[in-house]
Protein backbone atom coordinates (compact mmCIF):
# COMPACT_ATOMS: atom_id res chain seq x y z
CA MET A 1 -35.35 -67.72 -16.26
CA GLY A 2 -33.01 -68.49 -13.36
CA ILE A 3 -30.95 -66.28 -11.14
CA ALA A 4 -27.88 -64.70 -12.71
CA LEU A 5 -24.96 -62.84 -11.16
CA GLN A 6 -23.91 -59.49 -12.56
CA PRO A 7 -22.09 -56.39 -11.58
CA TYR A 8 -24.19 -53.74 -9.86
CA THR A 9 -25.01 -50.95 -12.39
CA GLU A 10 -26.94 -47.68 -11.93
CA ASP A 11 -30.06 -48.98 -13.64
CA ARG A 12 -30.42 -51.67 -10.99
CA THR A 13 -30.72 -49.09 -8.10
CA PRO A 14 -34.56 -49.14 -7.95
CA ALA A 15 -34.48 -52.95 -7.84
CA VAL A 16 -31.95 -52.88 -5.02
CA MET A 17 -34.14 -50.46 -3.07
CA ALA A 18 -37.11 -52.78 -3.55
CA PHE A 19 -34.96 -55.72 -2.40
CA ASN A 20 -34.06 -53.85 0.78
CA GLU A 21 -37.69 -52.98 1.40
CA ARG A 22 -38.63 -56.65 1.19
CA LEU A 23 -35.93 -57.52 3.70
CA ALA A 24 -37.21 -54.80 6.06
CA GLN A 25 -40.76 -55.99 5.73
CA GLY A 26 -39.58 -59.51 6.50
CA GLY A 27 -38.18 -58.30 9.82
CA CYS A 28 -34.45 -58.05 8.99
CA PRO A 29 -32.52 -55.65 11.20
CA PRO A 30 -31.30 -52.34 9.62
CA GLU A 31 -27.74 -53.64 9.06
CA PHE A 32 -29.17 -56.18 6.61
CA ARG A 33 -29.42 -53.71 3.72
CA PHE A 34 -27.44 -53.72 0.48
CA PRO A 35 -25.90 -50.41 -0.69
CA GLU A 36 -28.35 -48.36 -2.80
CA SER A 37 -25.65 -46.93 -5.03
CA PRO A 38 -23.35 -48.95 -7.33
CA THR A 39 -20.33 -46.73 -6.43
CA PRO A 40 -18.85 -47.75 -3.07
CA HIS A 41 -18.73 -44.94 -0.55
CA TRP A 42 -15.81 -46.74 1.12
CA LEU A 43 -12.88 -47.90 -1.10
CA PRO A 44 -14.13 -47.06 -4.60
CA LYS A 45 -11.84 -48.09 -7.46
CA ARG A 46 -9.04 -45.56 -7.90
CA GLU A 47 -6.32 -45.26 -10.53
CA GLY A 48 -3.18 -47.18 -9.55
CA LEU A 49 -4.43 -48.35 -6.19
CA PRO A 50 -4.99 -52.19 -5.80
CA LEU A 51 -7.41 -51.66 -2.87
CA PHE A 52 -11.02 -51.31 -3.87
CA GLN A 53 -14.54 -52.79 -3.64
CA GLU A 54 -16.91 -54.10 -6.26
CA TYR A 55 -20.64 -54.83 -5.81
CA TYR A 56 -22.40 -57.78 -7.40
CA LEU A 57 -26.16 -58.65 -7.63
CA ALA A 58 -28.11 -61.84 -7.98
CA THR A 59 -30.92 -61.03 -10.34
CA GLU A 60 -34.07 -62.70 -11.56
CA ASN A 61 -35.47 -60.85 -14.59
CA ASP A 62 -36.05 -57.30 -13.25
CA PHE A 63 -35.78 -58.28 -9.57
CA VAL A 64 -32.76 -58.29 -7.29
CA ARG A 65 -32.74 -61.41 -5.10
CA GLY A 66 -29.35 -60.90 -3.44
CA GLY A 67 -25.99 -59.23 -3.49
CA PHE A 68 -22.42 -59.37 -2.14
CA ILE A 69 -19.36 -57.22 -1.97
CA LEU A 70 -15.79 -58.12 -2.94
CA LYS A 71 -12.90 -56.15 -1.42
CA TYR A 72 -9.68 -56.51 -3.41
CA GLN A 73 -6.32 -56.13 -1.68
CA ASP A 74 -2.76 -57.39 -2.14
CA PHE A 75 -1.46 -59.80 0.51
CA ALA A 76 1.99 -61.08 1.22
CA ILE A 77 1.95 -64.90 1.60
CA CYS A 78 5.38 -66.14 2.73
CA GLY A 79 6.76 -62.84 1.36
CA GLN A 80 5.20 -63.31 -2.13
CA ASN A 81 2.55 -60.91 -3.41
CA HIS A 82 -0.91 -62.40 -4.07
CA ARG A 83 -4.34 -60.89 -4.82
CA VAL A 84 -6.73 -62.05 -2.06
CA VAL A 85 -10.28 -60.97 -1.93
CA TYR A 86 -12.60 -60.38 1.03
CA TYR A 87 -16.15 -61.71 0.59
CA HIS A 88 -18.62 -59.76 2.66
CA LEU A 89 -22.19 -58.56 3.17
CA PRO A 90 -23.81 -61.47 1.27
CA LEU A 91 -27.53 -60.83 1.47
CA SER A 92 -30.16 -63.10 -0.02
CA GLU A 93 -33.86 -62.88 -0.16
CA GLY A 94 -33.77 -66.42 1.20
CA ILE A 95 -33.61 -64.74 4.61
CA VAL A 96 -37.29 -63.82 4.32
CA ASN A 97 -38.54 -66.07 1.50
CA ARG A 98 -37.70 -69.77 1.46
CA ALA A 99 -38.21 -69.84 -2.35
CA TYR A 100 -34.77 -68.22 -2.59
CA ALA A 101 -33.06 -70.32 0.11
CA THR A 102 -30.34 -71.44 -2.33
CA THR A 103 -29.44 -67.92 -3.50
CA GLY A 104 -26.75 -67.53 -0.85
CA ALA A 105 -24.87 -70.68 -1.99
CA LEU A 106 -25.30 -69.63 -5.64
CA MET A 107 -23.68 -66.23 -4.86
CA LEU A 108 -20.81 -67.86 -2.99
CA ARG A 109 -20.09 -70.34 -5.84
CA GLY A 110 -20.19 -67.45 -8.30
CA ALA A 111 -17.76 -65.39 -6.23
CA LEU A 112 -15.38 -68.36 -6.04
CA LYS A 113 -15.43 -68.74 -9.82
CA MET A 114 -14.48 -65.08 -10.17
CA GLN A 115 -11.93 -65.01 -7.32
CA PRO A 116 -10.91 -68.33 -5.91
CA MET A 117 -8.58 -66.84 -3.26
CA LEU A 118 -11.41 -65.64 -0.99
CA PHE A 119 -11.67 -65.08 2.76
CA ALA A 120 -14.38 -63.93 5.12
CA LEU A 121 -13.97 -62.19 8.45
CA GLY A 122 -16.15 -61.27 11.42
CA MET A 123 -19.58 -62.90 10.91
CA GLY A 124 -20.65 -62.83 14.54
CA GLY A 125 -19.90 -66.42 15.54
CA PHE A 126 -19.70 -69.94 14.12
CA ASP A 127 -23.39 -70.62 14.41
CA ASN A 128 -24.53 -67.81 12.11
CA PRO A 129 -25.75 -68.68 8.60
CA LEU A 130 -22.68 -67.54 6.62
CA PRO A 131 -20.00 -69.41 8.62
CA THR A 132 -22.27 -72.45 8.72
CA MET A 133 -22.51 -72.44 4.92
CA LEU A 134 -18.76 -71.77 4.50
CA LYS A 135 -17.91 -74.76 6.70
CA ALA A 136 -20.33 -76.99 4.72
CA MET A 137 -18.58 -75.91 1.51
CA GLY A 138 -15.15 -76.92 2.75
CA TRP A 139 -13.74 -73.57 3.98
CA SER A 140 -11.31 -73.48 6.91
CA LEU A 141 -12.62 -71.53 9.86
CA PHE A 142 -11.24 -70.37 13.24
CA ALA A 143 -11.96 -67.64 15.73
CA VAL A 144 -9.52 -64.64 15.82
CA PRO A 145 -8.60 -64.29 19.49
CA PHE A 146 -10.10 -61.37 21.50
CA TYR A 147 -8.04 -59.54 24.09
CA PHE A 148 -9.05 -56.95 26.64
CA ARG A 149 -7.47 -54.81 29.37
CA VAL A 150 -9.46 -53.06 32.02
CA ASN A 151 -8.52 -49.52 33.11
CA HIS A 152 -11.57 -48.72 35.27
CA PRO A 153 -12.72 -51.89 36.96
CA ALA A 154 -15.86 -50.45 38.71
CA ARG A 155 -17.28 -49.10 35.44
CA PHE A 156 -16.29 -52.34 33.68
CA LEU A 157 -18.25 -54.45 36.21
CA GLN A 158 -21.23 -52.16 35.91
CA ASN A 159 -21.45 -52.27 32.18
CA ILE A 160 -20.11 -55.46 30.56
CA ALA A 161 -23.14 -57.47 29.39
CA ALA A 162 -21.47 -60.88 29.85
CA LEU A 163 -21.17 -60.15 33.55
CA ARG A 164 -24.79 -59.02 33.90
CA SER A 165 -26.73 -61.78 32.12
CA SER A 166 -28.72 -62.78 35.14
CA PHE A 167 -30.01 -61.17 38.36
CA SER A 168 -27.40 -62.96 40.50
CA ARG A 169 -24.56 -61.85 38.20
CA ILE A 170 -25.82 -58.31 38.34
CA VAL A 171 -25.87 -58.39 42.17
CA LEU A 172 -22.39 -59.84 42.36
CA SER A 173 -20.95 -57.40 39.81
CA ASN A 174 -22.52 -54.43 41.61
CA MET A 175 -21.16 -55.61 44.94
CA ALA A 176 -17.64 -56.12 43.51
CA ALA A 177 -17.79 -52.62 42.01
CA ALA A 178 -19.17 -50.99 45.18
CA THR A 179 -16.87 -52.67 47.70
CA GLY A 180 -13.65 -52.30 45.65
CA THR A 181 -13.01 -56.06 45.63
CA GLY A 182 -13.56 -56.10 41.88
CA TRP A 183 -10.99 -53.25 41.48
CA VAL A 184 -8.38 -55.14 43.52
CA GLY A 185 -9.02 -58.47 41.80
CA ILE A 186 -8.83 -57.11 38.27
CA LYS A 187 -5.82 -54.86 38.91
CA VAL A 188 -3.90 -57.64 40.71
CA ALA A 189 -4.68 -60.17 37.92
CA GLN A 190 -3.45 -57.72 35.28
CA TRP A 191 -0.34 -56.85 37.26
CA MET A 192 0.49 -60.58 37.69
CA ARG A 193 0.17 -61.15 33.94
CA SER A 194 2.36 -58.15 33.06
CA VAL A 195 6.09 -58.44 32.51
CA SER A 196 8.37 -55.40 32.91
CA SER A 197 7.47 -52.43 30.77
CA VAL A 198 9.28 -51.60 27.52
CA ARG A 199 11.67 -48.74 27.99
CA ASP A 200 13.05 -46.03 25.71
CA ILE A 201 10.00 -45.82 23.42
CA ALA A 202 8.34 -42.66 22.22
CA ILE A 203 4.86 -42.07 20.79
CA GLU A 204 4.24 -39.67 17.90
CA PRO A 205 0.68 -39.02 16.78
CA VAL A 206 0.50 -38.92 12.96
CA ASN A 207 -2.15 -37.64 10.50
CA SER A 208 -0.96 -39.83 7.62
CA PHE A 209 1.48 -42.58 6.72
CA GLY A 210 4.58 -41.86 4.69
CA ARG A 211 7.91 -43.37 3.56
CA TRP A 212 8.68 -44.49 7.08
CA ALA A 213 5.58 -46.78 6.93
CA ASP A 214 6.71 -48.27 3.60
CA GLU A 215 10.13 -49.11 5.09
CA LEU A 216 8.43 -50.79 8.04
CA TRP A 217 6.14 -52.74 5.64
CA ARG A 218 9.16 -54.03 3.61
CA THR A 219 10.67 -55.30 6.83
CA CYS A 220 7.50 -56.97 8.17
CA ALA A 221 5.97 -58.40 5.01
CA PRO A 222 8.22 -61.51 4.86
CA VAL A 223 7.93 -62.20 8.58
CA TYR A 224 4.26 -63.28 8.67
CA ALA A 225 2.71 -66.31 6.87
CA MET A 226 0.02 -64.08 5.42
CA ILE A 227 -0.57 -60.36 5.91
CA GLY A 228 -2.59 -57.73 3.98
CA SER A 229 -0.60 -54.97 2.33
CA ARG A 230 0.17 -52.13 4.76
CA GLU A 231 1.96 -49.78 2.41
CA SER A 232 1.40 -46.09 3.05
CA SER A 233 -0.91 -45.69 0.05
CA VAL A 234 -3.13 -48.47 1.36
CA LEU A 235 -3.08 -47.17 4.95
CA ASN A 236 -3.94 -43.61 3.97
CA CYS A 237 -6.96 -44.99 2.07
CA LEU A 238 -8.10 -47.23 4.90
CA TYR A 239 -7.53 -44.70 7.63
CA PRO A 240 -7.83 -41.24 6.15
CA PRO A 241 -7.26 -38.05 8.19
CA GLY A 242 -10.31 -36.28 9.38
CA VAL A 243 -12.14 -39.48 10.35
CA ASN A 244 -12.26 -40.73 13.96
CA PHE A 245 -9.20 -42.91 13.68
CA LEU A 246 -6.17 -42.11 15.90
CA ALA A 247 -2.81 -43.07 14.44
CA ILE A 248 0.45 -43.23 16.33
CA LYS A 249 4.07 -43.95 15.32
CA VAL A 250 6.12 -45.89 17.88
CA LEU A 251 9.79 -44.93 17.98
CA ARG A 252 12.94 -46.21 19.65
CA SER A 253 16.08 -43.97 19.32
CA SER A 254 14.17 -41.89 16.77
CA GLN A 255 13.62 -44.99 14.56
CA ALA A 256 10.06 -46.10 13.74
CA VAL A 257 9.65 -49.64 15.08
CA GLY A 258 5.86 -49.83 14.61
CA TRP A 259 2.57 -48.02 14.42
CA ALA A 260 -1.01 -48.44 15.58
CA VAL A 261 -4.41 -47.24 14.53
CA LEU A 262 -6.82 -46.73 17.43
CA LEU A 263 -10.35 -45.72 18.22
CA ASP A 264 -11.67 -43.99 21.36
CA THR A 265 -15.44 -44.58 21.46
CA GLN A 266 -18.02 -43.56 24.06
CA MET A 267 -20.57 -46.35 23.93
CA HIS A 268 -24.27 -45.72 24.63
CA ASP A 269 -26.32 -48.76 25.72
CA ASN A 270 -24.17 -51.01 23.61
CA LYS A 271 -25.28 -54.63 23.75
CA TYR A 272 -21.74 -55.74 24.73
CA PHE A 273 -20.14 -52.73 26.38
CA GLY A 274 -23.07 -50.80 27.89
CA ASN A 275 -21.98 -47.20 28.45
CA LEU A 276 -18.17 -47.78 28.65
CA ARG A 277 -15.62 -45.63 26.91
CA VAL A 278 -13.88 -48.23 24.80
CA GLY A 279 -10.41 -47.93 23.27
CA THR A 280 -9.83 -50.23 20.30
CA LEU A 281 -6.58 -51.28 18.69
CA VAL A 282 -7.88 -51.51 15.14
CA ASP A 283 -4.68 -52.18 13.30
CA CYS A 284 -0.93 -52.18 13.90
CA LEU A 285 2.33 -53.32 12.50
CA ALA A 286 5.80 -54.26 13.80
CA VAL A 287 8.06 -57.34 13.75
CA PRO A 288 7.05 -59.75 16.53
CA GLU A 289 9.88 -58.73 18.89
CA ASN A 290 8.57 -55.17 18.81
CA ALA A 291 4.96 -56.17 19.45
CA PRO A 292 5.21 -55.41 23.20
CA ALA A 293 6.47 -51.88 22.47
CA VAL A 294 3.55 -51.19 20.10
CA ILE A 295 0.95 -52.63 22.54
CA GLN A 296 2.43 -50.63 25.48
CA ALA A 297 2.46 -47.43 23.39
CA ALA A 298 -1.16 -47.97 22.29
CA CYS A 299 -2.28 -48.67 25.90
CA ASP A 300 -0.42 -45.63 27.27
CA PHE A 301 -1.93 -43.39 24.57
CA LEU A 302 -5.52 -44.66 25.14
CA THR A 303 -5.20 -44.61 28.91
CA ARG A 304 -4.10 -41.01 28.87
CA ARG A 305 -7.27 -40.27 26.92
CA GLY A 306 -9.35 -41.75 29.68
CA VAL A 307 -10.78 -44.99 28.18
CA ASP A 308 -12.35 -47.53 30.56
CA LEU A 309 -11.47 -50.61 28.47
CA ILE A 310 -8.98 -51.47 25.72
CA ILE A 311 -9.86 -54.24 23.32
CA CYS A 312 -8.30 -55.93 20.22
CA ASN A 313 -8.68 -58.97 17.96
CA HIS A 314 -5.46 -60.39 16.65
CA SER A 315 -4.76 -63.75 14.95
CA GLN A 316 -0.95 -64.03 15.14
CA ALA A 317 0.49 -66.10 18.03
CA ALA A 318 3.48 -63.89 18.89
CA TRP A 319 1.23 -60.89 19.18
CA GLY A 320 -1.17 -62.90 21.33
CA LYS A 321 1.70 -63.73 23.67
CA ALA A 322 2.63 -59.97 23.77
CA PHE A 323 -0.97 -59.00 24.64
CA ARG A 324 -1.07 -61.49 27.49
CA SER A 325 2.34 -60.39 28.85
CA SER A 326 1.02 -56.77 28.67
CA GLY A 327 -1.75 -57.60 31.14
CA PHE A 328 -4.54 -58.39 28.71
CA PHE A 329 -7.11 -61.06 29.30
CA SER A 330 -8.46 -63.39 26.65
CA GLY A 331 -12.17 -63.41 26.10
CA PRO A 332 -14.69 -65.33 23.95
CA SER A 333 -14.40 -64.31 20.31
CA ASN A 334 -17.18 -64.02 17.69
CA PHE A 335 -14.75 -62.61 15.13
CA ILE A 336 -14.30 -65.56 12.71
CA PHE A 337 -11.74 -65.89 9.92
CA ALA A 338 -12.61 -68.19 7.03
CA ALA A 339 -10.34 -69.23 4.11
CA SER A 340 -11.62 -70.74 0.86
CA GLU A 341 -10.18 -74.09 -0.16
CA PRO A 342 -7.71 -72.53 -2.75
CA LEU A 343 -6.51 -70.05 -0.13
CA ALA A 344 -6.16 -72.70 2.51
CA GLN A 345 -4.22 -74.88 0.06
CA GLN A 346 -1.85 -71.95 -0.54
CA LEU A 347 -1.23 -71.77 3.23
CA ASP A 348 -1.18 -75.55 4.01
CA PRO A 349 2.59 -75.96 3.49
CA ILE A 350 3.10 -73.53 6.42
CA SER A 351 3.15 -75.45 9.64
CA GLY A 352 0.46 -74.10 12.04
CA TRP A 353 -0.58 -71.40 9.59
CA GLN A 354 -3.67 -70.59 11.62
CA ASN A 355 -1.35 -69.09 14.35
CA GLU A 356 0.96 -67.33 11.88
CA ILE A 357 -1.37 -65.33 9.73
CA PHE A 358 -1.87 -61.65 10.62
CA PHE A 359 -5.53 -60.52 10.76
CA MET A 360 -7.18 -57.70 12.74
CA ARG A 361 -10.40 -55.74 12.56
CA GLY A 362 -8.84 -53.43 9.98
CA ASP A 363 -8.50 -56.35 7.54
CA GLY A 364 -12.24 -56.73 7.02
CA ASP A 365 -14.84 -54.05 6.61
CA GLY A 366 -13.32 -52.05 9.44
CA PRO A 367 -14.46 -51.64 13.03
CA VAL A 368 -18.06 -50.93 11.92
CA ASN A 369 -19.56 -51.67 15.39
CA LEU A 370 -16.94 -49.75 17.36
């Protein structure tokens, strides 16, 4: 009997646990584990909310040979509502046993039959197995730009892995940090990239999103070629109070012009950021002309908290321009967006759609590594 795809049910939990154990014995890192409960701990299906996850398994008799997750969400494409589905955490026993090398492709084809309008996000770079397979199957892929702004140059130079990949780079970085030349160089470069600051804006921390966020969503939804629903009900599910997210409302003349969801994370021997305190702009919303105000508000808020570095991934071109004019640098990105052929065909009539769609870390499985 061949491999079949089926929804994850409670009776399959022991087989999923055995599947995870085989991956571990084969040397897979801890993040390569499929959930050991059929009920998602994040975004379970809820009455009346079109934002939820479903788990699917690739089974062979009583064995689980793979699995994947579908995250369902409404998107506005040219202002029209569409159901678009995020394909993530596809795990196959082919990672550790070549007898199941085709299981990954089988799962992807099965997911496409169920939900043709699929996208993938993140994936760690173009050369990893999933984006390589997606490209071979005709998906459209591009890197979501990465932006960063340095608040404390000396700590930045002493911790960023990309600057410390060899002995000579370590010596130069340490010298730049110790002598102050790094501080001067980074601060001057950021100052030269910055335009005048946005005036007359106020920042209001919020614990939840309400009617004001819905009004902003209705204004912004038609502006972008493609953007995931950011209604208050969706936002309160994605960024619930009591978790480590920091949400701010950005106001001008008492009118909400945007919002941002942020993280303030003290890293510990992180492979990219060392021991830096990293501020992340996880998600945000405004019309493009108000992007500089939202970015400035987010930077001011995180800077007052004492972060060393502020980072963000953002796909939309006007926001990228706003980041650069706010003193941000562009860095290499391993955060990849991939659109299935049906989704790309839906976007093809839009000139330069790759620069006009709106994707951030909050659009995938969240800032799981931040």
